[in-house]
Amino acid sequence: GFRVLKVSSGNVPSTIAAVLLEIRDVSGVVPSVYFEW
């Protein structure tokens, strides 16, 4: 019941950043991302 985006990569931070920038570009909306320390 949860919406999940899945991607395979060797580097987690860079991949998250790249996906966020792509989401911004395809949607026209600047996304927000939430982490735990």
PDB file of all heavy atoms in Angstrom:
ATOM      1  N   GLY A   1       0.788  -1.222   0.000  1.00  0.00           N
ATOM      2  CA  GLY A   1       0.000   0.000   0.000  1.00  0.00           C
ATOM      3  C   GLY A   1       0.821   1.272   0.000  1.00  0.00           C
ATOM      4  O   GLY A   1       0.249   2.372  -0.070  1.00  0.00           O
ATOM      5  N   PHE A   2       2.140   1.177   0.054  1.00  0.00           N
ATOM      6  CA  PHE A   2       3.003   2.350   0.021  1.00  0.00           C
ATOM      7  C   PHE A   2       3.613   2.494  -1.382  1.00  0.00           C
ATOM      8  O   PHE A   2       3.947   1.504  -2.037  1.00  0.00           O
ATOM      9  CB  PHE A   2       4.130   2.225   1.054  1.00  0.00           C
ATOM     10  CG  PHE A   2       3.649   2.201   2.472  1.00  0.00           C
ATOM     11  CD1 PHE A   2       3.415   0.987   3.124  1.00  0.00           C
ATOM     12  CD2 PHE A   2       3.422   3.382   3.167  1.00  0.00           C
ATOM     13  CE1 PHE A   2       2.975   0.962   4.437  1.00  0.00           C
ATOM     14  CE2 PHE A   2       2.971   3.359   4.485  1.00  0.00           C
ATOM     15  CZ  PHE A   2       2.743   2.147   5.120  1.00  0.00           C
ATOM     16  N   ARG A   3       3.780   3.742  -1.812  1.00  0.00           N
ATOM     17  CA  ARG A   3       4.409   4.007  -3.112  1.00  0.00           C
ATOM     18  C   ARG A   3       5.925   4.043  -2.939  1.00  0.00           C
ATOM     19  O   ARG A   3       6.443   4.788  -2.088  1.00  0.00           O
ATOM     20  CB  ARG A   3       3.908   5.337  -3.676  1.00  0.00           C
ATOM     21  CG  ARG A   3       2.396   5.347  -3.928  1.00  0.00           C
ATOM     22  CD  ARG A   3       1.941   6.706  -4.429  1.00  0.00           C
ATOM     23  NE  ARG A   3       2.252   7.762  -3.478  1.00  0.00           N
ATOM     24  CZ  ARG A   3       2.216   9.067  -3.769  1.00  0.00           C
ATOM     25  NH1 ARG A   3       1.890   9.462  -4.996  1.00  0.00           N
ATOM     26  NH2 ARG A   3       2.505   9.964  -2.848  1.00  0.00           N
ATOM     27  N   VAL A   4       6.630   3.243  -3.737  1.00  0.00           N
ATOM     28  CA  VAL A   4       8.078   3.089  -3.565  1.00  0.00           C
ATOM     29  C   VAL A   4       8.783   3.276  -4.904  1.00  0.00           C
ATOM     30  O   VAL A   4       8.383   2.668  -5.915  1.00  0.00           O
ATOM     31  CB  VAL A   4       8.441   1.696  -2.988  1.00  0.00           C
ATOM     32  CG1 VAL A   4       9.956   1.600  -2.757  1.00  0.00           C
ATOM     33  CG2 VAL A   4       7.686   1.440  -1.693  1.00  0.00           C
ATOM     34  N   LEU A   5       9.821   4.120  -4.900  1.00  0.00           N
ATOM     35  CA  LEU A   5      10.724   4.259  -6.047  1.00  0.00           C
ATOM     36  C   LEU A   5      11.972   3.443  -5.753  1.00  0.00           C
ATOM     37  O   LEU A   5      12.601   3.619  -4.696  1.00  0.00           O
ATOM     38  CB  LEU A   5      11.106   5.721  -6.276  1.00  0.00           C
ATOM     39  CG  LEU A   5       9.964   6.708  -6.546  1.00  0.00           C
ATOM     40  CD1 LEU A   5      10.528   8.114  -6.728  1.00  0.00           C
ATOM     41  CD2 LEU A   5       9.160   6.290  -7.759  1.00  0.00           C
ATOM     42  N   LYS A   6      12.348   2.546  -6.671  1.00  0.00           N
ATOM     43  CA  LYS A   6      13.510   1.689  -6.468  1.00  0.00           C
ATOM     44  C   LYS A   6      14.538   1.932  -7.564  1.00  0.00           C
ATOM     45  O   LYS A   6      14.190   2.075  -8.739  1.00  0.00           O
ATOM     46  CB  LYS A   6      13.109   0.213  -6.455  1.00  0.00           C
ATOM     47  CG  LYS A   6      12.194  -0.168  -5.293  1.00  0.00           C
ATOM     48  CD  LYS A   6      11.904  -1.666  -5.274  1.00  0.00           C
ATOM     49  CE  LYS A   6      11.041  -2.049  -4.084  1.00  0.00           C
ATOM     50  NZ  LYS A   6      10.787  -3.512  -4.026  1.00  0.00           N
ATOM     51  N   VAL A   7      15.803   1.964  -7.166  1.00  0.00           N
ATOM     52  CA  VAL A   7      16.890   2.172  -8.119  1.00  0.00           C
ATOM     53  C   VAL A   7      18.117   1.421  -7.620  1.00  0.00           C
ATOM     54  O   VAL A   7      18.348   1.309  -6.413  1.00  0.00           O
ATOM     55  CB  VAL A   7      17.195   3.682  -8.285  1.00  0.00           C
ATOM     56  CG1 VAL A   7      17.596   4.315  -6.964  1.00  0.00           C
ATOM     57  CG2 VAL A   7      18.259   3.914  -9.343  1.00  0.00           C
ATOM     58  N   SER A   8      18.902   0.880  -8.546  1.00  0.00           N
ATOM     59  CA  SER A   8      20.142   0.169  -8.185  1.00  0.00           C
ATOM     60  C   SER A   8      21.337   1.054  -8.509  1.00  0.00           C
ATOM     61  O   SER A   8      21.406   1.667  -9.580  1.00  0.00           O
ATOM     62  CB  SER A   8      20.248  -1.146  -8.971  1.00  0.00           C
ATOM     63  OG  SER A   8      19.206  -2.022  -8.603  1.00  0.00           O
ATOM     64  N   SER A   9      22.290   1.112  -7.564  1.00  0.00           N
ATOM     65  CA  SER A   9      23.463   1.972  -7.759  1.00  0.00           C
ATOM     66  C   SER A   9      24.541   1.575  -6.773  1.00  0.00           C
ATOM     67  O   SER A   9      24.267   0.964  -5.735  1.00  0.00           O
ATOM     68  CB  SER A   9      23.086   3.446  -7.566  1.00  0.00           C
ATOM     69  OG  SER A   9      24.240   4.258  -7.530  1.00  0.00           O
ATOM     70  N   GLY A  10      25.766   1.966  -7.093  1.00  0.00           N
ATOM     71  CA  GLY A  10      26.887   1.705  -6.194  1.00  0.00           C
ATOM     72  C   GLY A  10      27.134   2.820  -5.207  1.00  0.00           C
ATOM     73  O   GLY A  10      27.961   2.680  -4.305  1.00  0.00           O
ATOM     74  N   ASN A  11      26.437   3.961  -5.343  1.00  0.00           N
ATOM     75  CA  ASN A  11      26.653   5.096  -4.454  1.00  0.00           C
ATOM     76  C   ASN A  11      25.303   5.674  -4.056  1.00  0.00           C
ATOM     77  O   ASN A  11      24.566   6.188  -4.899  1.00  0.00           O
ATOM     78  CB  ASN A  11      27.515   6.156  -5.135  1.00  0.00           C
ATOM     79  CG  ASN A  11      27.864   7.294  -4.202  1.00  0.00           C
ATOM     80  OD1 ASN A  11      27.081   8.203  -3.987  1.00  0.00           O
ATOM     81  ND2 ASN A  11      29.060   7.224  -3.645  1.00  0.00           N
ATOM     82  N   VAL A  12      24.984   5.603  -2.775  1.00  0.00           N
ATOM     83  CA  VAL A  12      23.650   5.969  -2.310  1.00  0.00           C
ATOM     84  C   VAL A  12      23.413   7.481  -2.330  1.00  0.00           C
ATOM     85  O   VAL A  12      22.429   7.943  -2.922  1.00  0.00           O
ATOM     86  CB  VAL A  12      23.392   5.382  -0.908  1.00  0.00           C
ATOM     87  CG1 VAL A  12      22.027   5.822  -0.398  1.00  0.00           C
ATOM     88  CG2 VAL A  12      23.476   3.857  -0.945  1.00  0.00           C
ATOM     89  N   PRO A  13      24.273   8.310  -1.694  1.00  0.00           N
ATOM     90  CA  PRO A  13      23.972   9.751  -1.658  1.00  0.00           C
ATOM     91  C   PRO A  13      23.876  10.388  -3.039  1.00  0.00           C
ATOM     92  O   PRO A  13      22.953  11.168  -3.309  1.00  0.00           O
ATOM     93  CB  PRO A  13      25.152  10.336  -0.861  1.00  0.00           C
ATOM     94  CG  PRO A  13      25.726   9.203  -0.107  1.00  0.00           C
ATOM     95  CD  PRO A  13      25.515   8.007  -0.963  1.00  0.00           C
ATOM     96  N   SER A  14      24.822  10.091  -3.918  1.00  0.00           N
ATOM     97  CA  SER A  14      24.810  10.674  -5.254  1.00  0.00           C
ATOM     98  C   SER A  14      23.574  10.245  -6.034  1.00  0.00           C
ATOM     99  O   SER A  14      22.992  11.037  -6.790  1.00  0.00           O
ATOM    100  CB  SER A  14      26.075  10.265  -6.011  1.00  0.00           C
ATOM    101  OG  SER A  14      26.058  10.769  -7.323  1.00  0.00           O
ATOM    102  N   THR A  15      23.159   9.000  -5.847  1.00  0.00           N
ATOM    103  CA  THR A  15      21.985   8.498  -6.561  1.00  0.00           C
ATOM    104  C   THR A  15      20.715   9.179  -6.069  1.00  0.00           C
ATOM    105  O   THR A  15      19.851   9.567  -6.875  1.00  0.00           O
ATOM    106  CB  THR A  15      21.882   6.973  -6.374  1.00  0.00           C
ATOM    107  OG1 THR A  15      23.039   6.361  -6.942  1.00  0.00           O
ATOM    108  CG2 THR A  15      20.632   6.429  -7.040  1.00  0.00           C
ATOM    109  N   ILE A  16      20.587   9.349  -4.758  1.00  0.00           N
ATOM    110  CA  ILE A  16      19.415  10.048  -4.223  1.00  0.00           C
ATOM    111  C   ILE A  16      19.359  11.469  -4.775  1.00  0.00           C
ATOM    112  O   ILE A  16      18.308  11.952  -5.212  1.00  0.00           O
ATOM    113  CB  ILE A  16      19.449  10.056  -2.680  1.00  0.00           C
ATOM    114  CG1 ILE A  16      19.273   8.626  -2.139  1.00  0.00           C
ATOM    115  CG2 ILE A  16      18.366  10.972  -2.120  1.00  0.00           C
ATOM    116  CD1 ILE A  16      19.407   8.517  -0.634  1.00  0.00           C
ATOM    117  N   ALA A  17      20.519  12.153  -4.792  1.00  0.00           N
ATOM    118  CA  ALA A  17      20.569  13.517  -5.310  1.00  0.00           C
ATOM    119  C   ALA A  17      20.173  13.551  -6.786  1.00  0.00           C
ATOM    120  O   ALA A  17      19.413  14.428  -7.214  1.00  0.00           O
ATOM    121  CB  ALA A  17      21.971  14.095  -5.120  1.00  0.00           C
ATOM    122  N   ALA A  18      20.684  12.612  -7.571  1.00  0.00           N
ATOM    123  CA  ALA A  18      20.376  12.586  -9.005  1.00  0.00           C
ATOM    124  C   ALA A  18      18.889  12.347  -9.244  1.00  0.00           C
ATOM    125  O   ALA A  18      18.275  12.976 -10.121  1.00  0.00           O
ATOM    126  CB  ALA A  18      21.206  11.496  -9.686  1.00  0.00           C
ATOM    127  N   VAL A  19      18.286  11.435  -8.467  1.00  0.00           N
ATOM    128  CA  VAL A  19      16.858  11.141  -8.628  1.00  0.00           C
ATOM    129  C   VAL A  19      16.019  12.361  -8.237  1.00  0.00           C
ATOM    130  O   VAL A  19      15.036  12.705  -8.914  1.00  0.00           O
ATOM    131  CB  VAL A  19      16.467   9.911  -7.796  1.00  0.00           C
ATOM    132  CG1 VAL A  19      14.948   9.712  -7.815  1.00  0.00           C
ATOM    133  CG2 VAL A  19      17.155   8.664  -8.327  1.00  0.00           C
ATOM    134  N   LEU A  20      16.412  13.055  -7.161  1.00  0.00           N
ATOM    135  CA  LEU A  20      15.681  14.255  -6.740  1.00  0.00           C
ATOM    136  C   LEU A  20      15.727  15.331  -7.821  1.00  0.00           C
ATOM    137  O   LEU A  20      14.711  15.993  -8.104  1.00  0.00           O
ATOM    138  CB  LEU A  20      16.276  14.794  -5.438  1.00  0.00           C
ATOM    139  CG  LEU A  20      16.075  13.929  -4.188  1.00  0.00           C
ATOM    140  CD1 LEU A  20      16.864  14.513  -3.014  1.00  0.00           C
ATOM    141  CD2 LEU A  20      14.601  13.821  -3.831  1.00  0.00           C
ATOM    142  N   LEU A  21      16.891  15.529  -8.421  1.00  0.00           N
ATOM    143  CA  LEU A  21      17.018  16.529  -9.484  1.00  0.00           C
ATOM    144  C   LEU A  21      16.192  16.140 -10.711  1.00  0.00           C
ATOM    145  O   LEU A  21      15.596  17.001 -11.375  1.00  0.00           O
ATOM    146  CB  LEU A  21      18.489  16.705  -9.860  1.00  0.00           C
ATOM    147  CG  LEU A  21      19.379  17.343  -8.773  1.00  0.00           C
ATOM    148  CD1 LEU A  21      20.848  17.257  -9.172  1.00  0.00           C
ATOM    149  CD2 LEU A  21      18.983  18.803  -8.537  1.00  0.00           C
ATOM    150  N   GLU A  22      16.143  14.846 -11.011  1.00  0.00           N
ATOM    151  CA  GLU A  22      15.332  14.389 -12.144  1.00  0.00           C
ATOM    152  C   GLU A  22      13.841  14.583 -11.853  1.00  0.00           C
ATOM    153  O   GLU A  22      13.074  15.006 -12.737  1.00  0.00           O
ATOM    154  CB  GLU A  22      15.628  12.919 -12.439  1.00  0.00           C
ATOM    155  CG  GLU A  22      14.841  12.323 -13.590  1.00  0.00           C
ATOM    156  CD  GLU A  22      15.231  12.915 -14.939  1.00  0.00           C
ATOM    157  OE1 GLU A  22      16.265  13.623 -15.023  1.00  0.00           O
ATOM    158  OE2 GLU A  22      14.497  12.661 -15.917  1.00  0.00           O
ATOM    159  N   ILE A  23      13.423  14.293 -10.620  1.00  0.00           N
ATOM    160  CA  ILE A  23      12.022  14.517 -10.236  1.00  0.00           C
ATOM    161  C   ILE A  23      11.669  15.990 -10.391  1.00  0.00           C
ATOM    162  O   ILE A  23      10.596  16.347 -10.888  1.00  0.00           O
ATOM    163  CB  ILE A  23      11.790  14.033  -8.789  1.00  0.00           C
ATOM    164  CG1 ILE A  23      11.834  12.497  -8.733  1.00  0.00           C
ATOM    165  CG2 ILE A  23      10.468  14.557  -8.244  1.00  0.00           C
ATOM    166  CD1 ILE A  23      11.778  11.930  -7.325  1.00  0.00           C
ATOM    167  N   ARG A  24      12.581  16.856  -9.949  1.00  0.00           N
ATOM    168  CA  ARG A  24      12.353  18.301 -10.113  1.00  0.00           C
ATOM    169  C   ARG A  24      12.180  18.678 -11.583  1.00  0.00           C
ATOM    170  O   ARG A  24      11.280  19.443 -11.946  1.00  0.00           O
ATOM    171  CB  ARG A  24      13.535  19.061  -9.511  1.00  0.00           C
ATOM    172  CG  ARG A  24      13.450  20.570  -9.652  1.00  0.00           C
ATOM    173  CD  ARG A  24      14.810  21.209  -9.527  1.00  0.00           C
ATOM    174  NE  ARG A  24      15.673  20.869 -10.661  1.00  0.00           N
ATOM    175  CZ  ARG A  24      16.945  21.270 -10.774  1.00  0.00           C
ATOM    176  NH1 ARG A  24      17.500  21.988  -9.811  1.00  0.00           N
ATOM    177  NH2 ARG A  24      17.647  20.927 -11.836  1.00  0.00           N
ATOM    178  N   ASP A  25      13.044  18.127 -12.432  1.00  0.00           N
ATOM    179  CA  ASP A  25      13.033  18.516 -13.837  1.00  0.00           C
ATOM    180  C   ASP A  25      11.804  17.993 -14.582  1.00  0.00           C
ATOM    181  O   ASP A  25      11.278  18.667 -15.472  1.00  0.00           O
ATOM    182  CB  ASP A  25      14.314  18.045 -14.524  1.00  0.00           C
ATOM    183  CG  ASP A  25      15.553  18.760 -14.001  1.00  0.00           C
ATOM    184  OD1 ASP A  25      15.399  19.853 -13.409  1.00  0.00           O
ATOM    185  OD2 ASP A  25      16.673  18.227 -14.163  1.00  0.00           O
ATOM    186  N   VAL A  26      11.356  16.781 -14.252  1.00  0.00           N
ATOM    187  CA  VAL A  26      10.220  16.217 -14.991  1.00  0.00           C
ATOM    188  C   VAL A  26       8.880  16.724 -14.458  1.00  0.00           C
ATOM    189  O   VAL A  26       7.880  16.727 -15.186  1.00  0.00           O
ATOM    190  CB  VAL A  26      10.237  14.669 -14.966  1.00  0.00           C
ATOM    191  CG1 VAL A  26      11.504  14.139 -15.589  1.00  0.00           C
ATOM    192  CG2 VAL A  26      10.038  14.126 -13.569  1.00  0.00           C
ATOM    193  N   SER A  27       8.858  17.153 -13.200  1.00  0.00           N
ATOM    194  CA  SER A  27       7.587  17.576 -12.597  1.00  0.00           C
ATOM    195  C   SER A  27       7.433  19.084 -12.518  1.00  0.00           C
ATOM    196  O   SER A  27       6.309  19.592 -12.449  1.00  0.00           O
ATOM    197  CB  SER A  27       7.461  16.987 -11.190  1.00  0.00           C
ATOM    198  OG  SER A  27       8.426  17.585 -10.313  1.00  0.00           O
ATOM    199  N   GLY A  28       8.549  19.810 -12.489  1.00  0.00           N
ATOM    200  CA  GLY A  28       8.486  21.264 -12.304  1.00  0.00           C
ATOM    201  C   GLY A  28       8.328  21.666 -10.858  1.00  0.00           C
ATOM    202  O   GLY A  28       8.152  22.854 -10.564  1.00  0.00           O
ATOM    203  N   VAL A  29       8.395  20.703  -9.933  1.00  0.00           N
ATOM    204  CA  VAL A  29       8.258  20.980  -8.503  1.00  0.00           C
ATOM    205  C   VAL A  29       9.545  20.567  -7.789  1.00  0.00           C
ATOM    206  O   VAL A  29      10.061  19.467  -8.016  1.00  0.00           O
ATOM    207  CB  VAL A  29       7.061  20.209  -7.902  1.00  0.00           C
ATOM    208  CG1 VAL A  29       6.984  20.429  -6.384  1.00  0.00           C
ATOM    209  CG2 VAL A  29       5.768  20.651  -8.564  1.00  0.00           C
ATOM    210  N   VAL A  30      10.051  21.438  -6.909  1.00  0.00           N
ATOM    211  CA  VAL A  30      11.251  21.110  -6.151  1.00  0.00           C
ATOM    212  C   VAL A  30      10.871  20.158  -5.022  1.00  0.00           C
ATOM    213  O   VAL A  30      10.099  20.534  -4.129  1.00  0.00           O
ATOM    214  CB  VAL A  30      11.908  22.379  -5.570  1.00  0.00           C
ATOM    215  CG1 VAL A  30      13.135  22.004  -4.740  1.00  0.00           C
ATOM    216  CG2 VAL A  30      12.292  23.340  -6.687  1.00  0.00           C
ATOM    217  N   PRO A  31      11.374  18.926  -5.014  1.00  0.00           N
ATOM    218  CA  PRO A  31      10.978  17.964  -3.980  1.00  0.00           C
ATOM    219  C   PRO A  31      11.733  18.180  -2.672  1.00  0.00           C
ATOM    220  O   PRO A  31      12.758  18.860  -2.629  1.00  0.00           O
ATOM    221  CB  PRO A  31      11.354  16.618  -4.605  1.00  0.00           C
ATOM    222  CG  PRO A  31      12.533  16.938  -5.483  1.00  0.00           C
ATOM    223  CD  PRO A  31      12.280  18.334  -6.012  1.00  0.00           C
ATOM    224  N   SER A  32      11.222  17.570  -1.614  1.00  0.00           N
ATOM    225  CA  SER A  32      11.898  17.524  -0.319  1.00  0.00           C
ATOM    226  C   SER A  32      12.181  16.069   0.005  1.00  0.00           C
ATOM    227  O   SER A  32      11.394  15.178  -0.327  1.00  0.00           O
ATOM    228  CB  SER A  32      11.025  18.144   0.778  1.00  0.00           C
ATOM    229  OG  SER A  32      10.786  19.516   0.519  1.00  0.00           O
ATOM    230  N   VAL A  33      13.317  15.819   0.676  1.00  0.00           N
ATOM    231  CA  VAL A  33      13.682  14.452   1.038  1.00  0.00           C
ATOM    232  C   VAL A  33      13.927  14.388   2.540  1.00  0.00           C
ATOM    233  O   VAL A  33      14.453  15.338   3.145  1.00  0.00           O
ATOM    234  CB  VAL A  33      14.937  13.988   0.253  1.00  0.00           C
ATOM    235  CG1 VAL A  33      16.165  14.813   0.591  1.00  0.00           C
ATOM    236  CG2 VAL A  33      15.209  12.502   0.478  1.00  0.00           C
ATOM    237  N   TYR A  34      13.541  13.270   3.151  1.00  0.00           N
ATOM    238  CA  TYR A  34      13.601  13.116   4.601  1.00  0.00           C
ATOM    239  C   TYR A  34      14.489  11.918   4.959  1.00  0.00           C
ATOM    240  O   TYR A  34      14.333  10.823   4.421  1.00  0.00           O
ATOM    241  CB  TYR A  34      12.191  12.919   5.163  1.00  0.00           C
ATOM    242  CG  TYR A  34      11.303  14.114   4.912  1.00  0.00           C
ATOM    243  CD1 TYR A  34      10.609  14.241   3.706  1.00  0.00           C
ATOM    244  CD2 TYR A  34      11.169  15.122   5.865  1.00  0.00           C
ATOM    245  CE1 TYR A  34       9.814  15.342   3.450  1.00  0.00           C
ATOM    246  CE2 TYR A  34      10.360  16.234   5.620  1.00  0.00           C
ATOM    247  CZ  TYR A  34       9.693  16.344   4.416  1.00  0.00           C
ATOM    248  OH  TYR A  34       8.907  17.441   4.168  1.00  0.00           O
ATOM    249  N   PHE A  35      15.434  12.164   5.903  1.00  0.00           N
ATOM    250  CA  PHE A  35      16.380  11.133   6.343  1.00  0.00           C
ATOM    251  C   PHE A  35      16.334  10.982   7.852  1.00  0.00           C
ATOM    252  O   PHE A  35      15.878  11.880   8.581  1.00  0.00           O
ATOM    253  CB  PHE A  35      17.824  11.528   5.979  1.00  0.00           C
ATOM    254  CG  PHE A  35      18.131  11.615   4.514  1.00  0.00           C
ATOM    255  CD1 PHE A  35      18.003  12.814   3.833  1.00  0.00           C
ATOM    256  CD2 PHE A  35      18.573  10.497   3.814  1.00  0.00           C
ATOM    257  CE1 PHE A  35      18.315  12.910   2.491  1.00  0.00           C
ATOM    258  CE2 PHE A  35      18.879  10.586   2.465  1.00  0.00           C
ATOM    259  CZ  PHE A  35      18.748  11.797   1.803  1.00  0.00           C
ATOM    260  N   GLU A  36      16.906   9.852   8.314  1.00  0.00           N
ATOM    261  CA  GLU A  36      17.301   9.698   9.712  1.00  0.00           C
ATOM    262  C   GLU A  36      18.805   9.903   9.801  1.00  0.00           C
ATOM    263  O   GLU A  36      19.532   9.640   8.833  1.00  0.00           O
ATOM    264  CB  GLU A  36      16.956   8.297  10.229  1.00  0.00           C
ATOM    265  CG  GLU A  36      15.476   8.025  10.381  1.00  0.00           C
ATOM    266  CD  GLU A  36      15.227   6.631  10.926  1.00  0.00           C
ATOM    267  OE1 GLU A  36      16.221   5.951  11.297  1.00  0.00           O
ATOM    268  OE2 GLU A  36      14.062   6.213  10.960  1.00  0.00           O
ATOM    269  N   TRP A  37      19.269  10.384  10.943  1.00  0.00           N
ATOM    270  CA  TRP A  37      20.722  10.519  11.125  1.00  0.00           C
ATOM    271  C   TRP A  37      21.384   9.147  11.090  1.00  0.00           C
ATOM    272  O   TRP A  37      20.846   8.168  11.592  1.00  0.00           O
ATOM    273  CB  TRP A  37      21.047  11.189  12.465  1.00  0.00           C
ATOM    274  CG  TRP A  37      20.900  12.680  12.434  1.00  0.00           C
ATOM    275  CD1 TRP A  37      19.965  13.425  13.106  1.00  0.00           C
ATOM    276  CD2 TRP A  37      21.697  13.591  11.697  1.00  0.00           C
ATOM    277  NE1 TRP A  37      20.127  14.743  12.825  1.00  0.00           N
ATOM    278  CE2 TRP A  37      21.183  14.888  11.960  1.00  0.00           C
ATOM    279  CE3 TRP A  37      22.771  13.466  10.818  1.00  0.00           C
ATOM    280  CZ2 TRP A  37      21.716  16.033  11.401  1.00  0.00           C
ATOM    281  CZ3 TRP A  37      23.306  14.610  10.266  1.00  0.00           C
ATOM    282  CH2 TRP A  37      22.791  15.873  10.539  1.00  0.00           C
TER     283      TRP A  37
END
